[in-house]
Amino acid sequence: MSEQKITKDTVVAQIPELNPAAVDVLWNLGMGCVHCIMADNETVEEAAAAHGFNLDELLKVLNEAK
Protein backbone atom coordinates (compact mmCIF):
# COMPACT_ATOMS: atom_id res chain seq x y z
CA MET A 1 0.00 0.00 0.00
CA SER A 2 1.17 3.50 -0.76
CA GLU A 3 2.09 5.93 1.99
CA GLN A 4 -0.11 8.57 0.34
CA LYS A 5 -3.54 9.13 1.77
CA ILE A 6 -6.73 9.21 -0.19
CA THR A 7 -7.99 12.80 -0.18
CA LYS A 8 -11.04 14.63 -1.47
CA ASP A 9 -9.03 15.47 -4.59
CA THR A 10 -7.91 11.90 -5.30
CA VAL A 11 -9.20 10.68 -8.64
CA VAL A 12 -11.28 7.54 -8.07
CA ALA A 13 -9.18 5.51 -10.52
CA GLN A 14 -6.14 6.07 -8.24
CA ILE A 15 -7.72 4.40 -5.21
CA PRO A 16 -6.58 0.82 -5.98
CA GLU A 17 -2.98 2.02 -6.18
CA LEU A 18 -3.19 4.04 -2.95
CA ASN A 19 -5.08 1.44 -0.89
CA PRO A 20 -6.35 -1.73 -2.60
CA ALA A 21 -8.52 -2.58 0.45
CA ALA A 22 -10.46 0.66 -0.08
CA VAL A 23 -11.95 -0.79 -3.27
CA ASP A 24 -13.83 -3.36 -1.15
CA VAL A 25 -15.06 -0.57 1.12
CA LEU A 26 -16.52 1.29 -1.85
CA TRP A 27 -18.09 -1.88 -3.20
CA ASN A 28 -19.65 -2.72 0.19
CA LEU A 29 -21.15 0.78 0.32
CA GLY A 30 -22.78 0.18 -3.04
CA MET A 31 -20.29 2.40 -4.82
CA GLY A 32 -18.85 0.66 -7.87
CA CYS A 33 -16.91 3.84 -8.51
CA VAL A 34 -13.56 2.28 -9.36
CA HIS A 35 -15.19 0.38 -12.22
CA CYS A 36 -17.34 3.29 -13.34
CA ILE A 37 -16.77 5.04 -16.64
CA MET A 38 -16.25 8.26 -14.63
CA ALA A 39 -13.40 6.83 -12.50
CA ASP A 40 -10.65 8.51 -14.52
CA ASN A 41 -12.19 11.97 -14.12
CA GLU A 42 -14.18 11.93 -10.88
CA THR A 43 -12.68 12.86 -7.52
CA VAL A 44 -13.56 11.21 -4.24
CA GLU A 45 -15.35 14.41 -3.26
CA GLU A 46 -17.51 14.27 -6.39
CA ALA A 47 -18.23 10.55 -5.92
CA ALA A 48 -19.25 11.08 -2.28
CA ALA A 49 -21.62 13.87 -3.30
CA ALA A 50 -23.09 11.81 -6.15
CA HIS A 51 -23.80 8.92 -3.78
CA GLY A 52 -24.94 11.00 -0.80
CA PHE A 53 -22.06 10.12 1.54
CA ASN A 54 -20.42 12.38 4.09
CA LEU A 55 -17.00 13.15 2.61
CA ASP A 56 -15.06 13.18 5.88
CA GLU A 57 -16.53 9.86 7.01
CA LEU A 58 -15.87 8.27 3.62
CA LEU A 59 -12.26 9.43 3.59
CA LYS A 60 -11.76 8.05 7.08
CA VAL A 61 -12.97 4.56 6.19
CA LEU A 62 -11.12 4.53 2.87
CA ASN A 63 -7.82 5.43 4.50
CA GLU A 64 -8.31 3.02 7.43
CA ALA A 65 -9.22 0.05 5.22
CA LYS A 66 -6.85 -2.88 5.54
PDB file of N, CA and C in Angstrom:
ATOM      1  N   MET A   1       0.843  -1.181   0.000  1.00  0.00           N
ATOM      2  CA  MET A   1       0.000   0.000   0.000  1.00  0.00           C
ATOM      3  C   MET A   1       0.884   1.239   0.000  1.00  0.00           C
ATOM      4  N   SER A   2       0.453   2.239  -0.681  1.00  0.00           N
ATOM      5  CA  SER A   2       1.170   3.502  -0.761  1.00  0.00           C
ATOM      6  C   SER A   2       1.103   4.239   0.572  1.00  0.00           C
ATOM      7  N   GLU A   3       2.088   5.097   0.791  1.00  0.00           N
ATOM      8  CA  GLU A   3       2.086   5.934   1.995  1.00  0.00           C
ATOM      9  C   GLU A   3       1.192   7.159   1.820  1.00  0.00           C
ATOM     10  N   GLN A   4       0.771   7.432   0.593  1.00  0.00           N
ATOM     11  CA  GLN A   4      -0.108   8.566   0.338  1.00  0.00           C
ATOM     12  C   GLN A   4      -1.509   8.259   0.822  1.00  0.00           C
ATOM     13  N   LYS A   5      -2.156   9.275   1.323  1.00  0.00           N
ATOM     14  CA  LYS A   5      -3.539   9.132   1.766  1.00  0.00           C
ATOM     15  C   LYS A   5      -4.485   9.471   0.629  1.00  0.00           C
ATOM     16  N   ILE A   6      -5.649   8.870   0.713  1.00  0.00           N
ATOM     17  CA  ILE A   6      -6.731   9.210  -0.193  1.00  0.00           C
ATOM     18  C   ILE A   6      -7.328  10.516   0.325  1.00  0.00           C
ATOM     19  N   THR A   7      -7.451  11.492  -0.557  1.00  0.00           N
ATOM     20  CA  THR A   7      -7.986  12.801  -0.179  1.00  0.00           C
ATOM     21  C   THR A   7      -9.224  13.106  -1.011  1.00  0.00           C
ATOM     22  N   LYS A   8      -9.855  14.208  -0.718  1.00  0.00           N
ATOM     23  CA  LYS A   8     -11.040  14.625  -1.471  1.00  0.00           C
ATOM     24  C   LYS A   8     -10.704  14.855  -2.935  1.00  0.00           C
ATOM     25  N   ASP A   9      -9.450  15.178  -3.231  1.00  0.00           N
ATOM     26  CA  ASP A   9      -9.028  15.468  -4.594  1.00  0.00           C
ATOM     27  C   ASP A   9      -8.469  14.255  -5.331  1.00  0.00           C
ATOM     28  N   THR A  10      -8.391  13.115  -4.656  1.00  0.00           N
ATOM     29  CA  THR A  10      -7.911  11.896  -5.300  1.00  0.00           C
ATOM     30  C   THR A  10      -8.887  11.493  -6.395  1.00  0.00           C
ATOM     31  N   VAL A  11      -8.370  11.186  -7.547  1.00  0.00           N
ATOM     32  CA  VAL A  11      -9.200  10.679  -8.638  1.00  0.00           C
ATOM     33  C   VAL A  11      -9.543   9.228  -8.304  1.00  0.00           C
ATOM     34  N   VAL A  12     -10.792   8.858  -8.468  1.00  0.00           N
ATOM     35  CA  VAL A  12     -11.284   7.544  -8.067  1.00  0.00           C
ATOM     36  C   VAL A  12     -10.429   6.412  -8.649  1.00  0.00           C
ATOM     37  N   ALA A  13      -9.984   6.550  -9.877  1.00  0.00           N
ATOM     38  CA  ALA A  13      -9.182   5.510 -10.518  1.00  0.00           C
ATOM     39  C   ALA A  13      -7.848   5.279  -9.811  1.00  0.00           C
ATOM     40  N   GLN A  14      -7.398   6.210  -8.968  1.00  0.00           N
ATOM     41  CA  GLN A  14      -6.138   6.073  -8.241  1.00  0.00           C
ATOM     42  C   GLN A  14      -6.284   5.272  -6.946  1.00  0.00           C
ATOM     43  N   ILE A  15      -7.499   5.047  -6.501  1.00  0.00           N
ATOM     44  CA  ILE A  15      -7.720   4.397  -5.208  1.00  0.00           C
ATOM     45  C   ILE A  15      -7.077   3.016  -5.116  1.00  0.00           C
ATOM     46  N   PRO A  16      -7.200   2.141  -6.118  1.00  0.00           N
ATOM     47  CA  PRO A  16      -6.578   0.818  -5.980  1.00  0.00           C
ATOM     48  C   PRO A  16      -5.072   0.872  -5.763  1.00  0.00           C
ATOM     49  N   GLU A  17      -4.421   1.856  -6.347  1.00  0.00           N
ATOM     50  CA  GLU A  17      -2.977   2.024  -6.179  1.00  0.00           C
ATOM     51  C   GLU A  17      -2.641   2.534  -4.776  1.00  0.00           C
ATOM     52  N   LEU A  18      -3.451   3.433  -4.258  1.00  0.00           N
ATOM     53  CA  LEU A  18      -3.191   4.036  -2.952  1.00  0.00           C
ATOM     54  C   LEU A  18      -3.544   3.102  -1.800  1.00  0.00           C
ATOM     55  N   ASN A  19      -4.660   2.383  -1.930  1.00  0.00           N
ATOM     56  CA  ASN A  19      -5.080   1.438  -0.887  1.00  0.00           C
ATOM     57  C   ASN A  19      -6.035   0.420  -1.507  1.00  0.00           C
ATOM     58  N   PRO A  20      -5.509  -0.720  -1.952  1.00  0.00           N
ATOM     59  CA  PRO A  20      -6.354  -1.727  -2.600  1.00  0.00           C
ATOM     60  C   PRO A  20      -7.552  -2.157  -1.756  1.00  0.00           C
ATOM     61  N   ALA A  21      -7.413  -2.175  -0.434  1.00  0.00           N
ATOM     62  CA  ALA A  21      -8.515  -2.577   0.449  1.00  0.00           C
ATOM     63  C   ALA A  21      -9.676  -1.583   0.387  1.00  0.00           C
ATOM     64  N   ALA A  22      -9.416  -0.361   0.003  1.00  0.00           N
ATOM     65  CA  ALA A  22     -10.460   0.661  -0.076  1.00  0.00           C
ATOM     66  C   ALA A  22     -11.459   0.351  -1.191  1.00  0.00           C
ATOM     67  N   VAL A  23     -11.036  -0.408  -2.188  1.00  0.00           N
ATOM     68  CA  VAL A  23     -11.950  -0.787  -3.269  1.00  0.00           C
ATOM     69  C   VAL A  23     -13.101  -1.617  -2.700  1.00  0.00           C
ATOM     70  N   ASP A  24     -12.788  -2.549  -1.795  1.00  0.00           N
ATOM     71  CA  ASP A  24     -13.833  -3.358  -1.153  1.00  0.00           C
ATOM     72  C   ASP A  24     -14.766  -2.497  -0.321  1.00  0.00           C
ATOM     73  N   VAL A  25     -14.228  -1.484   0.329  1.00  0.00           N
ATOM     74  CA  VAL A  25     -15.059  -0.570   1.118  1.00  0.00           C
ATOM     75  C   VAL A  25     -16.077   0.113   0.211  1.00  0.00           C
ATOM     76  N   LEU A  26     -15.612   0.632  -0.907  1.00  0.00           N
ATOM     77  CA  LEU A  26     -16.516   1.287  -1.847  1.00  0.00           C
ATOM     78  C   LEU A  26     -17.585   0.315  -2.330  1.00  0.00           C
ATOM     79  N   TRP A  27     -17.160  -0.884  -2.702  1.00  0.00           N
ATOM     80  CA  TRP A  27     -18.095  -1.882  -3.203  1.00  0.00           C
ATOM     81  C   TRP A  27     -19.154  -2.210  -2.158  1.00  0.00           C
ATOM     82  N   ASN A  28     -18.723  -2.389  -0.895  1.00  0.00           N
ATOM     83  CA  ASN A  28     -19.652  -2.723   0.187  1.00  0.00           C
ATOM     84  C   ASN A  28     -20.624  -1.588   0.500  1.00  0.00           C
ATOM     85  N   LEU A  29     -20.258  -0.373   0.146  1.00  0.00           N
ATOM     86  CA  LEU A  29     -21.145   0.776   0.322  1.00  0.00           C
ATOM     87  C   LEU A  29     -22.080   0.971  -0.872  1.00  0.00           C
ATOM     88  N   GLY A  30     -21.960   0.074  -1.850  1.00  0.00           N
ATOM     89  CA  GLY A  30     -22.784   0.185  -3.042  1.00  0.00           C
ATOM     90  C   GLY A  30     -22.224   1.155  -4.064  1.00  0.00           C
ATOM     91  N   MET A  31     -20.948   1.465  -3.911  1.00  0.00           N
ATOM     92  CA  MET A  31     -20.294   2.401  -4.820  1.00  0.00           C
ATOM     93  C   MET A  31     -19.328   1.625  -5.715  1.00  0.00           C
ATOM     94  N   GLY A  32     -19.732   1.347  -6.929  1.00  0.00           N
ATOM     95  CA  GLY A  32     -18.853   0.659  -7.870  1.00  0.00           C
ATOM     96  C   GLY A  32     -17.954   1.645  -8.592  1.00  0.00           C
ATOM     97  N   CYS A  33     -17.604   2.688  -7.909  1.00  0.00           N
ATOM     98  CA  CYS A  33     -16.914   3.837  -8.510  1.00  0.00           C
ATOM     99  C   CYS A  33     -15.633   3.490  -9.258  1.00  0.00           C
ATOM    100  N   VAL A  34     -14.847   2.592  -8.733  1.00  0.00           N
ATOM    101  CA  VAL A  34     -13.561   2.279  -9.358  1.00  0.00           C
ATOM    102  C   VAL A  34     -13.774   1.683 -10.743  1.00  0.00           C
ATOM    103  N   HIS A  35     -14.893   1.008 -10.938  1.00  0.00           N
ATOM    104  CA  HIS A  35     -15.188   0.378 -12.217  1.00  0.00           C
ATOM    105  C   HIS A  35     -16.117   1.221 -13.086  1.00  0.00           C
ATOM    106  N   CYS A  36     -16.423   2.400 -12.621  1.00  0.00           N
ATOM    107  CA  CYS A  36     -17.337   3.294 -13.336  1.00  0.00           C
ATOM    108  C   CYS A  36     -16.601   3.988 -14.479  1.00  0.00           C
ATOM    109  N   ILE A  37     -17.346   4.324 -15.500  1.00  0.00           N
ATOM    110  CA  ILE A  37     -16.772   5.039 -16.641  1.00  0.00           C
ATOM    111  C   ILE A  37     -16.207   6.410 -16.223  1.00  0.00           C
ATOM    112  N   MET A  38     -16.693   6.946 -15.113  1.00  0.00           N
ATOM    113  CA  MET A  38     -16.247   8.257 -14.634  1.00  0.00           C
ATOM    114  C   MET A  38     -14.982   8.193 -13.772  1.00  0.00           C
ATOM    115  N   ALA A  39     -14.500   7.005 -13.458  1.00  0.00           N
ATOM    116  CA  ALA A  39     -13.398   6.834 -12.504  1.00  0.00           C
ATOM    117  C   ALA A  39     -12.145   7.621 -12.852  1.00  0.00           C
ATOM    118  N   ASP A  40     -11.871   7.798 -14.124  1.00  0.00           N
ATOM    119  CA  ASP A  40     -10.655   8.515 -14.524  1.00  0.00           C
ATOM    120  C   ASP A  40     -10.768  10.024 -14.374  1.00  0.00           C
ATOM    121  N   ASN A  41     -11.979  10.517 -14.173  1.00  0.00           N
ATOM    122  CA  ASN A  41     -12.185  11.968 -14.123  1.00  0.00           C
ATOM    123  C   ASN A  41     -12.869  12.454 -12.856  1.00  0.00           C
ATOM    124  N   GLU A  42     -13.411  11.545 -12.055  1.00  0.00           N
ATOM    125  CA  GLU A  42     -14.183  11.933 -10.877  1.00  0.00           C
ATOM    126  C   GLU A  42     -13.323  11.855  -9.617  1.00  0.00           C
ATOM    127  N   THR A  43     -13.410  12.873  -8.786  1.00  0.00           N
ATOM    128  CA  THR A  43     -12.683  12.862  -7.520  1.00  0.00           C
ATOM    129  C   THR A  43     -13.508  12.154  -6.452  1.00  0.00           C
ATOM    130  N   VAL A  44     -12.859  11.819  -5.361  1.00  0.00           N
ATOM    131  CA  VAL A  44     -13.562  11.205  -4.238  1.00  0.00           C
ATOM    132  C   VAL A  44     -14.638  12.157  -3.731  1.00  0.00           C
ATOM    133  N   GLU A  45     -14.355  13.430  -3.705  1.00  0.00           N
ATOM    134  CA  GLU A  45     -15.349  14.412  -3.260  1.00  0.00           C
ATOM    135  C   GLU A  45     -16.585  14.369  -4.157  1.00  0.00           C
ATOM    136  N   GLU A  46     -16.388  14.312  -5.451  1.00  0.00           N
ATOM    137  CA  GLU A  46     -17.508  14.268  -6.385  1.00  0.00           C
ATOM    138  C   GLU A  46     -18.288  12.956  -6.258  1.00  0.00           C
ATOM    139  N   ALA A  47     -17.576  11.849  -6.079  1.00  0.00           N
ATOM    140  CA  ALA A  47     -18.230  10.547  -5.923  1.00  0.00           C
ATOM    141  C   ALA A  47     -19.057  10.509  -4.646  1.00  0.00           C
ATOM    142  N   ALA A  48     -18.513  11.054  -3.554  1.00  0.00           N
ATOM    143  CA  ALA A  48     -19.248  11.082  -2.283  1.00  0.00           C
ATOM    144  C   ALA A  48     -20.536  11.892  -2.443  1.00  0.00           C
ATOM    145  N   ALA A  49     -20.439  13.024  -3.098  1.00  0.00           N
ATOM    146  CA  ALA A  49     -21.621  13.868  -3.301  1.00  0.00           C
ATOM    147  C   ALA A  49     -22.650  13.156  -4.180  1.00  0.00           C
ATOM    148  N   ALA A  50     -22.187  12.497  -5.225  1.00  0.00           N
ATOM    149  CA  ALA A  50     -23.094  11.815  -6.145  1.00  0.00           C
ATOM    150  C   ALA A  50     -23.842  10.673  -5.477  1.00  0.00           C
ATOM    151  N   HIS A  51     -23.196  10.067  -4.470  1.00  0.00           N
ATOM    152  CA  HIS A  51     -23.800   8.916  -3.785  1.00  0.00           C
ATOM    153  C   HIS A  51     -24.403   9.279  -2.427  1.00  0.00           C
ATOM    154  N   GLY A  52     -24.318  10.549  -2.046  1.00  0.00           N
ATOM    155  CA  GLY A  52     -24.940  10.999  -0.804  1.00  0.00           C
ATOM    156  C   GLY A  52     -24.191  10.611   0.459  1.00  0.00           C
ATOM    157  N   PHE A  53     -22.864  10.480   0.374  1.00  0.00           N
ATOM    158  CA  PHE A  53     -22.063  10.121   1.538  1.00  0.00           C
ATOM    159  C   PHE A  53     -21.357  11.344   2.112  1.00  0.00           C
ATOM    160  N   ASN A  54     -21.192  11.346   3.419  1.00  0.00           N
ATOM    161  CA  ASN A  54     -20.416  12.380   4.088  1.00  0.00           C
ATOM    162  C   ASN A  54     -18.958  12.202   3.685  1.00  0.00           C
ATOM    163  N   LEU A  55     -18.360  13.235   3.131  1.00  0.00           N
ATOM    164  CA  LEU A  55     -16.996  13.150   2.610  1.00  0.00           C
ATOM    165  C   LEU A  55     -15.990  12.790   3.691  1.00  0.00           C
ATOM    166  N   ASP A  56     -16.043  13.448   4.822  1.00  0.00           N
ATOM    167  CA  ASP A  56     -15.057  13.184   5.881  1.00  0.00           C
ATOM    168  C   ASP A  56     -15.141  11.748   6.386  1.00  0.00           C
ATOM    169  N   GLU A  57     -16.359  11.240   6.551  1.00  0.00           N
ATOM    170  CA  GLU A  57     -16.526   9.865   7.012  1.00  0.00           C
ATOM    171  C   GLU A  57     -16.038   8.876   5.959  1.00  0.00           C
ATOM    172  N   LEU A  58     -16.326   9.152   4.695  1.00  0.00           N
ATOM    173  CA  LEU A  58     -15.871   8.275   3.622  1.00  0.00           C
ATOM    174  C   LEU A  58     -14.350   8.241   3.555  1.00  0.00           C
ATOM    175  N   LEU A  59     -13.715   9.388   3.623  1.00  0.00           N
ATOM    176  CA  LEU A  59     -12.256   9.433   3.586  1.00  0.00           C
ATOM    177  C   LEU A  59     -11.648   8.656   4.747  1.00  0.00           C
ATOM    178  N   LYS A  60     -12.263   8.772   5.906  1.00  0.00           N
ATOM    179  CA  LYS A  60     -11.756   8.055   7.081  1.00  0.00           C
ATOM    180  C   LYS A  60     -11.776   6.542   6.843  1.00  0.00           C
ATOM    181  N   VAL A  61     -12.905   6.010   6.382  1.00  0.00           N
ATOM    182  CA  VAL A  61     -12.975   4.564   6.187  1.00  0.00           C
ATOM    183  C   VAL A  61     -12.114   4.100   5.022  1.00  0.00           C
ATOM    184  N   LEU A  62     -11.986   4.906   3.999  1.00  0.00           N
ATOM    185  CA  LEU A  62     -11.116   4.526   2.872  1.00  0.00           C
ATOM    186  C   LEU A  62      -9.660   4.450   3.301  1.00  0.00           C
ATOM    187  N   ASN A  63      -9.224   5.412   4.086  1.00  0.00           N
ATOM    188  CA  ASN A  63      -7.823   5.425   4.503  1.00  0.00           C
ATOM    189  C   ASN A  63      -7.519   4.413   5.603  1.00  0.00           C
ATOM    190  N   GLU A  64      -8.531   4.003   6.362  1.00  0.00           N
ATOM    191  CA  GLU A  64      -8.315   3.018   7.435  1.00  0.00           C
ATOM    192  C   GLU A  64      -8.482   1.584   6.951  1.00  0.00           C
ATOM    193  N   ALA A  65      -8.976   1.397   5.741  1.00  0.00           N
ATOM    194  CA  ALA A  65      -9.220   0.050   5.222  1.00  0.00           C
ATOM    195  C   ALA A  65      -7.914  -0.732   5.140  1.00  0.00           C
ATOM    196  N   LYS A  66      -8.019  -1.988   5.574  1.00  0.00           N
ATOM    197  CA  LYS A  66      -6.851  -2.884   5.543  1.00  0.00           C
ATOM    198  C   LYS A  66      -7.262  -4.215   4.988  1.00  0.00           C
TER     199      LYS A  66
END
